[in-house]
Amino acid sequence: MKIDNTTVDKIAHLARLEFENEAKEQIVKDMNNMLSFIEKLNELDTSNVVPLIYMSDEVNNMREDEVKNEITQHEGLKNAPKHDSDYIKVPKVINK
């Protein structure tokens, strides 16, 4: 696979990025270098290599969740920047 300007434009659109001509050329070069590195790794024989599932042999010590400091609704609303009598007010984030 070879990266070209069209591919960089598609990726930039998905990532909401904009590149000038010189920066786009550098991105194409860098991405092609990354792909050539991955192709080089594919040349290695990994048939006898056991997949790494965990980074260490340590086991998590789990504990039960316990409620320790309960606060009332009034105390929770006291530090909110905007609120009414029952709820925290936030800016609208969904467009119709």
PDB file of N, CA and C in Angstrom:
ATOM      1  N   MET A   1       0.845  -1.183   0.000  1.00  0.00           N
ATOM      2  CA  MET A   1       0.000   0.000   0.000  1.00  0.00           C
ATOM      3  C   MET A   1       0.885   1.239   0.000  1.00  0.00           C
ATOM      4  N   LYS A   2       0.471   2.215  -0.745  1.00  0.00           N
ATOM      5  CA  LYS A   2       1.220   3.460  -0.854  1.00  0.00           C
ATOM      6  C   LYS A   2       0.291   4.610  -0.475  1.00  0.00           C
ATOM      7  N   ILE A   3       0.792   5.510   0.341  1.00  0.00           N
ATOM      8  CA  ILE A   3       0.025   6.687   0.750  1.00  0.00           C
ATOM      9  C   ILE A   3       0.255   7.799  -0.267  1.00  0.00           C
ATOM     10  N   ASP A   4      -0.841   8.428  -0.711  1.00  0.00           N
ATOM     11  CA  ASP A   4      -0.726   9.557  -1.620  1.00  0.00           C
ATOM     12  C   ASP A   4      -1.519  10.734  -1.054  1.00  0.00           C
ATOM     13  N   ASN A   5      -1.561  11.824  -1.782  1.00  0.00           N
ATOM     14  CA  ASN A   5      -2.244  13.029  -1.295  1.00  0.00           C
ATOM     15  C   ASN A   5      -3.734  12.800  -1.075  1.00  0.00           C
ATOM     16  N   THR A   6      -4.353  11.966  -1.910  1.00  0.00           N
ATOM     17  CA  THR A   6      -5.776  11.685  -1.753  1.00  0.00           C
ATOM     18  C   THR A   6      -6.039  10.980  -0.426  1.00  0.00           C
ATOM     19  N   THR A   7      -5.195  10.015  -0.092  1.00  0.00           N
ATOM     20  CA  THR A   7      -5.352   9.296   1.179  1.00  0.00           C
ATOM     21  C   THR A   7      -5.150  10.234   2.356  1.00  0.00           C
ATOM     22  N   VAL A   8      -4.147  11.097   2.277  1.00  0.00           N
ATOM     23  CA  VAL A   8      -3.908  12.065   3.350  1.00  0.00           C
ATOM     24  C   VAL A   8      -5.088  13.019   3.476  1.00  0.00           C
ATOM     25  N   ASP A   9      -5.680  13.429   2.365  1.00  0.00           N
ATOM     26  CA  ASP A   9      -6.847  14.312   2.414  1.00  0.00           C
ATOM     27  C   ASP A   9      -8.018  13.631   3.114  1.00  0.00           C
ATOM     28  N   LYS A  10      -8.237  12.345   2.826  1.00  0.00           N
ATOM     29  CA  LYS A  10      -9.335  11.602   3.472  1.00  0.00           C
ATOM     30  C   LYS A  10      -9.092  11.474   4.968  1.00  0.00           C
ATOM     31  N   ILE A  11      -7.865  11.123   5.345  1.00  0.00           N
ATOM     32  CA  ILE A  11      -7.538  10.980   6.767  1.00  0.00           C
ATOM     33  C   ILE A  11      -7.632  12.328   7.472  1.00  0.00           C
ATOM     34  N   ALA A  12      -7.162  13.381   6.816  1.00  0.00           N
ATOM     35  CA  ALA A  12      -7.237  14.718   7.409  1.00  0.00           C
ATOM     36  C   ALA A  12      -8.685  15.136   7.607  1.00  0.00           C
ATOM     37  N   HIS A  13      -9.547  14.804   6.648  1.00  0.00           N
ATOM     38  CA  HIS A  13     -10.967  15.137   6.787  1.00  0.00           C
ATOM     39  C   HIS A  13     -11.578  14.399   7.974  1.00  0.00           C
ATOM     40  N   LEU A  14     -11.275  13.112   8.108  1.00  0.00           N
ATOM     41  CA  LEU A  14     -11.818  12.329   9.221  1.00  0.00           C
ATOM     42  C   LEU A  14     -11.324  12.845  10.566  1.00  0.00           C
ATOM     43  N   ALA A  15     -10.068  13.301  10.612  1.00  0.00           N
ATOM     44  CA  ALA A  15      -9.481  13.811  11.851  1.00  0.00           C
ATOM     45  C   ALA A  15      -9.728  15.300  12.024  1.00  0.00           C
ATOM     46  N   ARG A  16     -10.422  15.913  11.086  1.00  0.00           N
ATOM     47  CA  ARG A  16     -10.698  17.356  11.105  1.00  0.00           C
ATOM     48  C   ARG A  16      -9.408  18.166  11.196  1.00  0.00           C
ATOM     49  N   LEU A  17      -8.437  17.790  10.338  1.00  0.00           N
ATOM     50  CA  LEU A  17      -7.159  18.492  10.262  1.00  0.00           C
ATOM     51  C   LEU A  17      -7.027  19.166   8.909  1.00  0.00           C
ATOM     52  N   GLU A  18      -6.196  20.183   8.855  1.00  0.00           N
ATOM     53  CA  GLU A  18      -5.890  20.845   7.587  1.00  0.00           C
ATOM     54  C   GLU A  18      -4.381  20.946   7.460  1.00  0.00           C
ATOM     55  N   PHE A  19      -3.862  20.631   6.274  1.00  0.00           N
ATOM     56  CA  PHE A  19      -2.428  20.677   6.029  1.00  0.00           C
ATOM     57  C   PHE A  19      -2.137  21.593   4.856  1.00  0.00           C
ATOM     58  N   GLU A  20      -1.090  22.379   4.980  1.00  0.00           N
ATOM     59  CA  GLU A  20      -0.590  23.162   3.857  1.00  0.00           C
ATOM     60  C   GLU A  20       0.185  22.221   2.936  1.00  0.00           C
ATOM     61  N   ASN A  21       0.582  22.694   1.766  1.00  0.00           N
ATOM     62  CA  ASN A  21       1.238  21.835   0.781  1.00  0.00           C
ATOM     63  C   ASN A  21       2.512  21.190   1.309  1.00  0.00           C
ATOM     64  N   GLU A  22       3.380  21.984   1.944  1.00  0.00           N
ATOM     65  CA  GLU A  22       4.642  21.436   2.447  1.00  0.00           C
ATOM     66  C   GLU A  22       4.394  20.445   3.575  1.00  0.00           C
ATOM     67  N   ALA A  23       3.459  20.759   4.450  1.00  0.00           N
ATOM     68  CA  ALA A  23       3.142  19.857   5.563  1.00  0.00           C
ATOM     69  C   ALA A  23       2.524  18.574   5.034  1.00  0.00           C
ATOM     70  N   LYS A  24       1.683  18.672   3.998  1.00  0.00           N
ATOM     71  CA  LYS A  24       1.055  17.490   3.425  1.00  0.00           C
ATOM     72  C   LYS A  24       2.103  16.571   2.808  1.00  0.00           C
ATOM     73  N   GLU A  25       3.081  17.151   2.133  1.00  0.00           N
ATOM     74  CA  GLU A  25       4.157  16.345   1.545  1.00  0.00           C
ATOM     75  C   GLU A  25       4.944  15.625   2.628  1.00  0.00           C
ATOM     76  N   GLN A  26       5.194  16.307   3.742  1.00  0.00           N
ATOM     77  CA  GLN A  26       5.914  15.688   4.856  1.00  0.00           C
ATOM     78  C   GLN A  26       5.086  14.568   5.486  1.00  0.00           C
ATOM     79  N   ILE A  27       3.766  14.773   5.598  1.00  0.00           N
ATOM     80  CA  ILE A  27       2.885  13.739   6.156  1.00  0.00           C
ATOM     81  C   ILE A  27       2.883  12.515   5.251  1.00  0.00           C
ATOM     82  N   VAL A  28       2.805  12.719   3.940  1.00  0.00           N
ATOM     83  CA  VAL A  28       2.843  11.595   2.994  1.00  0.00           C
ATOM     84  C   VAL A  28       4.150  10.820   3.162  1.00  0.00           C
ATOM     85  N   LYS A  29       5.248  11.542   3.252  1.00  0.00           N
ATOM     86  CA  LYS A  29       6.554  10.902   3.425  1.00  0.00           C
ATOM     87  C   LYS A  29       6.608  10.111   4.734  1.00  0.00           C
ATOM     88  N   ASP A  30       6.153  10.726   5.831  1.00  0.00           N
ATOM     89  CA  ASP A  30       6.186  10.064   7.138  1.00  0.00           C
ATOM     90  C   ASP A  30       5.295   8.824   7.163  1.00  0.00           C
ATOM     91  N   MET A  31       4.115   8.935   6.588  1.00  0.00           N
ATOM     92  CA  MET A  31       3.203   7.787   6.590  1.00  0.00           C
ATOM     93  C   MET A  31       3.754   6.642   5.739  1.00  0.00           C
ATOM     94  N   ASN A  32       4.380   6.973   4.620  1.00  0.00           N
ATOM     95  CA  ASN A  32       4.994   5.919   3.801  1.00  0.00           C
ATOM     96  C   ASN A  32       6.161   5.276   4.541  1.00  0.00           C
ATOM     97  N   ASN A  33       6.917   6.070   5.310  1.00  0.00           N
ATOM     98  CA  ASN A  33       7.990   5.494   6.122  1.00  0.00           C
ATOM     99  C   ASN A  33       7.434   4.537   7.172  1.00  0.00           C
ATOM    100  N   MET A  34       6.305   4.905   7.796  1.00  0.00           N
ATOM    101  CA  MET A  34       5.682   4.022   8.791  1.00  0.00           C
ATOM    102  C   MET A  34       5.229   2.712   8.156  1.00  0.00           C
ATOM    103  N   LEU A  35       4.625   2.818   6.980  1.00  0.00           N
ATOM    104  CA  LEU A  35       4.160   1.603   6.304  1.00  0.00           C
ATOM    105  C   LEU A  35       5.324   0.705   5.890  1.00  0.00           C
ATOM    106  N   SER A  36       6.415   1.314   5.459  1.00  0.00           N
ATOM    107  CA  SER A  36       7.577   0.494   5.081  1.00  0.00           C
ATOM    108  C   SER A  36       8.168  -0.183   6.313  1.00  0.00           C
ATOM    109  N   PHE A  37       8.119   0.469   7.462  1.00  0.00           N
ATOM    110  CA  PHE A  37       8.579  -0.148   8.702  1.00  0.00           C
ATOM    111  C   PHE A  37       7.706  -1.350   9.057  1.00  0.00           C
ATOM    112  N   ILE A  38       6.396  -1.206   8.929  1.00  0.00           N
ATOM    113  CA  ILE A  38       5.474  -2.311   9.219  1.00  0.00           C
ATOM    114  C   ILE A  38       5.707  -3.459   8.248  1.00  0.00           C
ATOM    115  N   GLU A  39       5.938  -3.146   6.979  1.00  0.00           N
ATOM    116  CA  GLU A  39       6.224  -4.197   6.001  1.00  0.00           C
ATOM    117  C   GLU A  39       7.514  -4.928   6.360  1.00  0.00           C
ATOM    118  N   LYS A  40       8.488  -4.207   6.875  1.00  0.00           N
ATOM    119  CA  LYS A  40       9.736  -4.827   7.321  1.00  0.00           C
ATOM    120  C   LYS A  40       9.480  -5.777   8.489  1.00  0.00           C
ATOM    121  N   LEU A  41       8.601  -5.395   9.405  1.00  0.00           N
ATOM    122  CA  LEU A  41       8.254  -6.273  10.522  1.00  0.00           C
ATOM    123  C   LEU A  41       7.540  -7.533  10.056  1.00  0.00           C
ATOM    124  N   ASN A  42       6.780  -7.429   8.981  1.00  0.00           N
ATOM    125  CA  ASN A  42       6.072  -8.597   8.454  1.00  0.00           C
ATOM    126  C   ASN A  42       7.024  -9.654   7.910  1.00  0.00           C
ATOM    127  N   GLU A  43       8.262  -9.293   7.648  1.00  0.00           N
ATOM    128  CA  GLU A  43       9.241 -10.256   7.154  1.00  0.00           C
ATOM    129  C   GLU A  43       9.729 -11.200   8.251  1.00  0.00           C
ATOM    130  N   LEU A  44       9.531 -10.832   9.512  1.00  0.00           N
ATOM    131  CA  LEU A  44       9.992 -11.663  10.621  1.00  0.00           C
ATOM    132  C   LEU A  44       9.140 -12.918  10.766  1.00  0.00           C
ATOM    133  N   ASP A  45       9.798 -14.023  11.121  1.00  0.00           N
ATOM    134  CA  ASP A  45       9.088 -15.267  11.383  1.00  0.00           C
ATOM    135  C   ASP A  45       8.613 -15.259  12.836  1.00  0.00           C
ATOM    136  N   THR A  46       7.312 -15.145  13.027  1.00  0.00           N
ATOM    137  CA  THR A  46       6.749 -15.101  14.372  1.00  0.00           C
ATOM    138  C   THR A  46       5.910 -16.334  14.685  1.00  0.00           C
ATOM    139  N   SER A  47       6.142 -17.416  13.958  1.00  0.00           N
ATOM    140  CA  SER A  47       5.323 -18.614  14.156  1.00  0.00           C
ATOM    141  C   SER A  47       5.538 -19.254  15.524  1.00  0.00           C
ATOM    142  N   ASN A  48       6.721 -19.115  16.130  1.00  0.00           N
ATOM    143  CA  ASN A  48       6.990 -19.720  17.432  1.00  0.00           C
ATOM    144  C   ASN A  48       6.919 -18.724  18.582  1.00  0.00           C
ATOM    145  N   VAL A  49       6.402 -17.541  18.339  1.00  0.00           N
ATOM    146  CA  VAL A  49       6.321 -16.522  19.373  1.00  0.00           C
ATOM    147  C   VAL A  49       4.940 -16.582  20.018  1.00  0.00           C
ATOM    148  N   VAL A  50       4.933 -16.670  21.348  1.00  0.00           N
ATOM    149  CA  VAL A  50       3.673 -16.703  22.092  1.00  0.00           C
ATOM    150  C   VAL A  50       3.134 -15.284  22.204  1.00  0.00           C
ATOM    151  N   PRO A  51       1.854 -15.077  21.897  1.00  0.00           N
ATOM    152  CA  PRO A  51       1.291 -13.722  21.986  1.00  0.00           C
ATOM    153  C   PRO A  51       1.328 -13.191  23.414  1.00  0.00           C
ATOM    154  N   LEU A  52       1.593 -11.911  23.550  1.00  0.00           N
ATOM    155  CA  LEU A  52       1.607 -11.261  24.848  1.00  0.00           C
ATOM    156  C   LEU A  52       0.186 -10.832  25.180  1.00  0.00           C
ATOM    157  N   ILE A  53      -0.326 -11.387  26.266  1.00  0.00           N
ATOM    158  CA  ILE A  53      -1.690 -11.059  26.661  1.00  0.00           C
ATOM    159  C   ILE A  53      -1.683 -10.023  27.776  1.00  0.00           C
ATOM    160  N   TYR A  54      -0.795 -10.226  28.758  1.00  0.00           N
ATOM    161  CA  TYR A  54      -0.714  -9.310  29.888  1.00  0.00           C
ATOM    162  C   TYR A  54       0.701  -8.759  29.979  1.00  0.00           C
ATOM    163  N   MET A  55       0.832  -7.521  30.428  1.00  0.00           N
ATOM    164  CA  MET A  55       2.143  -6.898  30.531  1.00  0.00           C
ATOM    165  C   MET A  55       2.925  -7.392  31.739  1.00  0.00           C
ATOM    166  N   SER A  56       2.245  -7.885  32.762  1.00  0.00           N
ATOM    167  CA  SER A  56       2.940  -8.387  33.945  1.00  0.00           C
ATOM    168  C   SER A  56       2.137  -9.546  34.525  1.00  0.00           C
ATOM    169  N   ASP A  57       2.742 -10.258  35.454  1.00  0.00           N
ATOM    170  CA  ASP A  57       2.071 -11.385  36.089  1.00  0.00           C
ATOM    171  C   ASP A  57       1.335 -10.981  37.355  1.00  0.00           C
ATOM    172  N   GLU A  58       1.337  -9.699  37.687  1.00  0.00           N
ATOM    173  CA  GLU A  58       0.682  -9.243  38.899  1.00  0.00           C
ATOM    174  C   GLU A  58      -0.835  -9.341  38.771  1.00  0.00           C
ATOM    175  N   VAL A  59      -1.473  -9.612  39.889  1.00  0.00           N
ATOM    176  CA  VAL A  59      -2.919  -9.762  39.925  1.00  0.00           C
ATOM    177  C   VAL A  59      -3.512  -8.558  40.641  1.00  0.00           C
ATOM    178  N   ASN A  60      -4.614  -8.051  40.113  1.00  0.00           N
ATOM    179  CA  ASN A  60      -5.289  -6.927  40.768  1.00  0.00           C
ATOM    180  C   ASN A  60      -5.930  -7.391  42.069  1.00  0.00           C
ATOM    181  N   ASN A  61      -5.753  -6.613  43.109  1.00  0.00           N
ATOM    182  CA  ASN A  61      -6.440  -6.865  44.367  1.00  0.00           C
ATOM    183  C   ASN A  61      -7.733  -6.069  44.350  1.00  0.00           C
ATOM    184  N   MET A  62      -8.816  -6.754  44.102  1.00  0.00           N
ATOM    185  CA  MET A  62     -10.107  -6.085  43.997  1.00  0.00           C
ATOM    186  C   MET A  62     -10.704  -5.894  45.378  1.00  0.00           C
ATOM    187  N   ARG A  63     -11.501  -4.867  45.528  1.00  0.00           N
ATOM    188  CA  ARG A  63     -12.192  -4.623  46.782  1.00  0.00           C
ATOM    189  C   ARG A  63     -13.640  -4.305  46.465  1.00  0.00           C
ATOM    190  N   GLU A  64     -14.463  -4.468  47.433  1.00  0.00           N
ATOM    191  CA  GLU A  64     -15.870  -4.135  47.269  1.00  0.00           C
ATOM    192  C   GLU A  64     -16.031  -2.620  47.253  1.00  0.00           C
ATOM    193  N   ASP A  65     -16.948  -2.129  46.429  1.00  0.00           N
ATOM    194  CA  ASP A  65     -17.243  -0.699  46.420  1.00  0.00           C
ATOM    195  C   ASP A  65     -18.061  -0.357  47.657  1.00  0.00           C
ATOM    196  N   GLU A  66     -17.661   0.667  48.353  1.00  0.00           N
ATOM    197  CA  GLU A  66     -18.368   1.114  49.546  1.00  0.00           C
ATOM    198  C   GLU A  66     -18.643   2.604  49.436  1.00  0.00           C
ATOM    199  N   VAL A  67     -19.856   2.989  49.769  1.00  0.00           N
ATOM    200  CA  VAL A  67     -20.200   4.408  49.815  1.00  0.00           C
ATOM    201  C   VAL A  67     -19.634   4.963  51.105  1.00  0.00           C
ATOM    202  N   LYS A  68     -18.795   5.980  51.018  1.00  0.00           N
ATOM    203  CA  LYS A  68     -18.150   6.515  52.211  1.00  0.00           C
ATOM    204  C   LYS A  68     -18.650   7.903  52.562  1.00  0.00           C
ATOM    205  N   ASN A  69     -18.686   8.810  51.620  1.00  0.00           N
ATOM    206  CA  ASN A  69     -19.115  10.180  51.914  1.00  0.00           C
ATOM    207  C   ASN A  69     -20.315  10.502  51.043  1.00  0.00           C
ATOM    208  N   GLU A  70     -21.479  10.399  51.613  1.00  0.00           N
ATOM    209  CA  GLU A  70     -22.675  10.747  50.875  1.00  0.00           C
ATOM    210  C   GLU A  70     -22.930  12.242  51.019  1.00  0.00           C
ATOM    211  N   ILE A  71     -23.376  12.858  49.943  1.00  0.00           N
ATOM    212  CA  ILE A  71     -23.768  14.262  50.015  1.00  0.00           C
ATOM    213  C   ILE A  71     -25.214  14.369  49.559  1.00  0.00           C
ATOM    214  N   THR A  72     -25.871  15.359  50.028  1.00  0.00           N
ATOM    215  CA  THR A  72     -27.262  15.568  49.640  1.00  0.00           C
ATOM    216  C   THR A  72     -27.313  16.251  48.279  1.00  0.00           C
ATOM    217  N   GLN A  73     -28.499  16.246  47.697  1.00  0.00           N
ATOM    218  CA  GLN A  73     -28.684  16.914  46.408  1.00  0.00           C
ATOM    219  C   GLN A  73     -28.388  18.404  46.544  1.00  0.00           C
ATOM    220  N   HIS A  74     -28.799  19.002  47.626  1.00  0.00           N
ATOM    221  CA  HIS A  74     -28.552  20.433  47.858  1.00  0.00           C
ATOM    222  C   HIS A  74     -27.048  20.712  47.936  1.00  0.00           C
ATOM    223  N   GLU A  75     -26.280  19.859  48.619  1.00  0.00           N
ATOM    224  CA  GLU A  75     -24.828  20.045  48.722  1.00  0.00           C
ATOM    225  C   GLU A  75     -24.156  19.863  47.361  1.00  0.00           C
ATOM    226  N   GLY A  76     -24.669  18.930  46.563  1.00  0.00           N
ATOM    227  CA  GLY A  76     -24.113  18.714  45.233  1.00  0.00           C
ATOM    228  C   GLY A  76     -24.359  19.889  44.314  1.00  0.00           C
ATOM    229  N   LEU A  77     -25.524  20.504  44.422  1.00  0.00           N
ATOM    230  CA  LEU A  77     -25.853  21.655  43.578  1.00  0.00           C
ATOM    231  C   LEU A  77     -25.149  22.928  44.032  1.00  0.00           C
ATOM    232  N   LYS A  78     -24.714  22.980  45.278  1.00  0.00           N
ATOM    233  CA  LYS A  78     -24.115  24.193  45.833  1.00  0.00           C
ATOM    234  C   LYS A  78     -22.863  24.621  45.058  1.00  0.00           C
ATOM    235  N   ASN A  79     -22.061  23.674  44.566  1.00  0.00           N
ATOM    236  CA  ASN A  79     -20.824  24.003  43.851  1.00  0.00           C
ATOM    237  C   ASN A  79     -20.979  24.052  42.332  1.00  0.00           C
ATOM    238  N   ALA A  80     -22.167  23.766  41.830  1.00  0.00           N
ATOM    239  CA  ALA A  80     -22.393  23.788  40.379  1.00  0.00           C
ATOM    240  C   ALA A  80     -22.416  25.236  39.891  1.00  0.00           C
ATOM    241  N   PRO A  81     -21.767  25.535  38.743  1.00  0.00           N
ATOM    242  CA  PRO A  81     -21.751  26.917  38.250  1.00  0.00           C
ATOM    243  C   PRO A  81     -23.150  27.452  37.956  1.00  0.00           C
ATOM    244  N   LYS A  82     -24.002  26.599  37.341  1.00  0.00           N
ATOM    245  CA  LYS A  82     -25.382  27.002  37.050  1.00  0.00           C
ATOM    246  C   LYS A  82     -26.289  25.852  37.464  1.00  0.00           C
ATOM    247  N   HIS A  83     -27.363  26.192  38.135  1.00  0.00           N
ATOM    248  CA  HIS A  83     -28.308  25.157  38.541  1.00  0.00           C
ATOM    249  C   HIS A  83     -29.649  25.803  38.844  1.00  0.00           C
ATOM    250  N   ASP A  84     -30.694  24.977  38.841  1.00  0.00           N
ATOM    251  CA  ASP A  84     -31.986  25.438  39.323  1.00  0.00           C
ATOM    252  C   ASP A  84     -32.254  24.690  40.629  1.00  0.00           C
ATOM    253  N   SER A  85     -33.481  24.515  40.999  1.00  0.00           N
ATOM    254  CA  SER A  85     -33.757  23.909  42.307  1.00  0.00           C
ATOM    255  C   SER A  85     -33.420  22.417  42.360  1.00  0.00           C
ATOM    256  N   ASP A  86     -33.408  21.729  41.203  1.00  0.00           N
ATOM    257  CA  ASP A  86     -33.198  20.277  41.223  1.00  0.00           C
ATOM    258  C   ASP A  86     -32.022  19.781  40.393  1.00  0.00           C
ATOM    259  N   TYR A  87     -31.602  20.530  39.356  1.00  0.00           N
ATOM    260  CA  TYR A  87     -30.645  20.012  38.385  1.00  0.00           C
ATOM    261  C   TYR A  87     -29.488  20.977  38.129  1.00  0.00           C
ATOM    262  N   ILE A  88     -28.382  20.408  37.643  1.00  0.00           N
ATOM    263  CA  ILE A  88     -27.265  21.211  37.169  1.00  0.00           C
ATOM    264  C   ILE A  88     -27.561  21.615  35.731  1.00  0.00           C
ATOM    265  N   LYS A  89     -27.397  22.883  35.410  1.00  0.00           N
ATOM    266  CA  LYS A  89     -27.639  23.361  34.047  1.00  0.00           C
ATOM    267  C   LYS A  89     -26.333  23.346  33.269  1.00  0.00           C
ATOM    268  N   VAL A  90     -26.378  22.778  32.059  1.00  0.00           N
ATOM    269  CA  VAL A  90     -25.211  22.722  31.180  1.00  0.00           C
ATOM    270  C   VAL A  90     -25.611  23.242  29.801  1.00  0.00           C
ATOM    271  N   PRO A  91     -24.625  23.681  28.986  1.00  0.00           N
ATOM    272  CA  PRO A  91     -24.960  24.141  27.632  1.00  0.00           C
ATOM    273  C   PRO A  91     -25.510  22.996  26.786  1.00  0.00           C
ATOM    274  N   LYS A  92     -26.372  23.330  25.856  1.00  0.00           N
ATOM    275  CA  LYS A  92     -26.949  22.347  24.951  1.00  0.00           C
ATOM    276  C   LYS A  92     -25.836  21.799  24.050  1.00  0.00           C
ATOM    277  N   VAL A  93     -25.760  20.472  23.921  1.00  0.00           N
ATOM    278  CA  VAL A  93     -24.709  19.857  23.102  1.00  0.00           C
ATOM    279  C   VAL A  93     -25.276  19.068  21.938  1.00  0.00           C
ATOM    280  N   ILE A  94     -26.579  18.913  21.853  1.00  0.00           N
ATOM    281  CA  ILE A  94     -27.196  18.144  20.766  1.00  0.00           C
ATOM    282  C   ILE A  94     -27.896  19.109  19.834  1.00  0.00           C
ATOM    283  N   ASN A  95     -27.574  19.023  18.538  1.00  0.00           N
ATOM    284  CA  ASN A  95     -28.237  19.867  17.539  1.00  0.00           C
ATOM    285  C   ASN A  95     -29.425  19.123  16.966  1.00  0.00           C
ATOM    286  N   LYS A  96     -30.463  19.855  16.666  1.00  0.00           N
ATOM    287  CA  LYS A  96     -31.648  19.212  16.060  1.00  0.00           C
ATOM    288  C   LYS A  96     -31.507  19.178  14.570  1.00  0.00           C
TER     289      LYS A  96
END
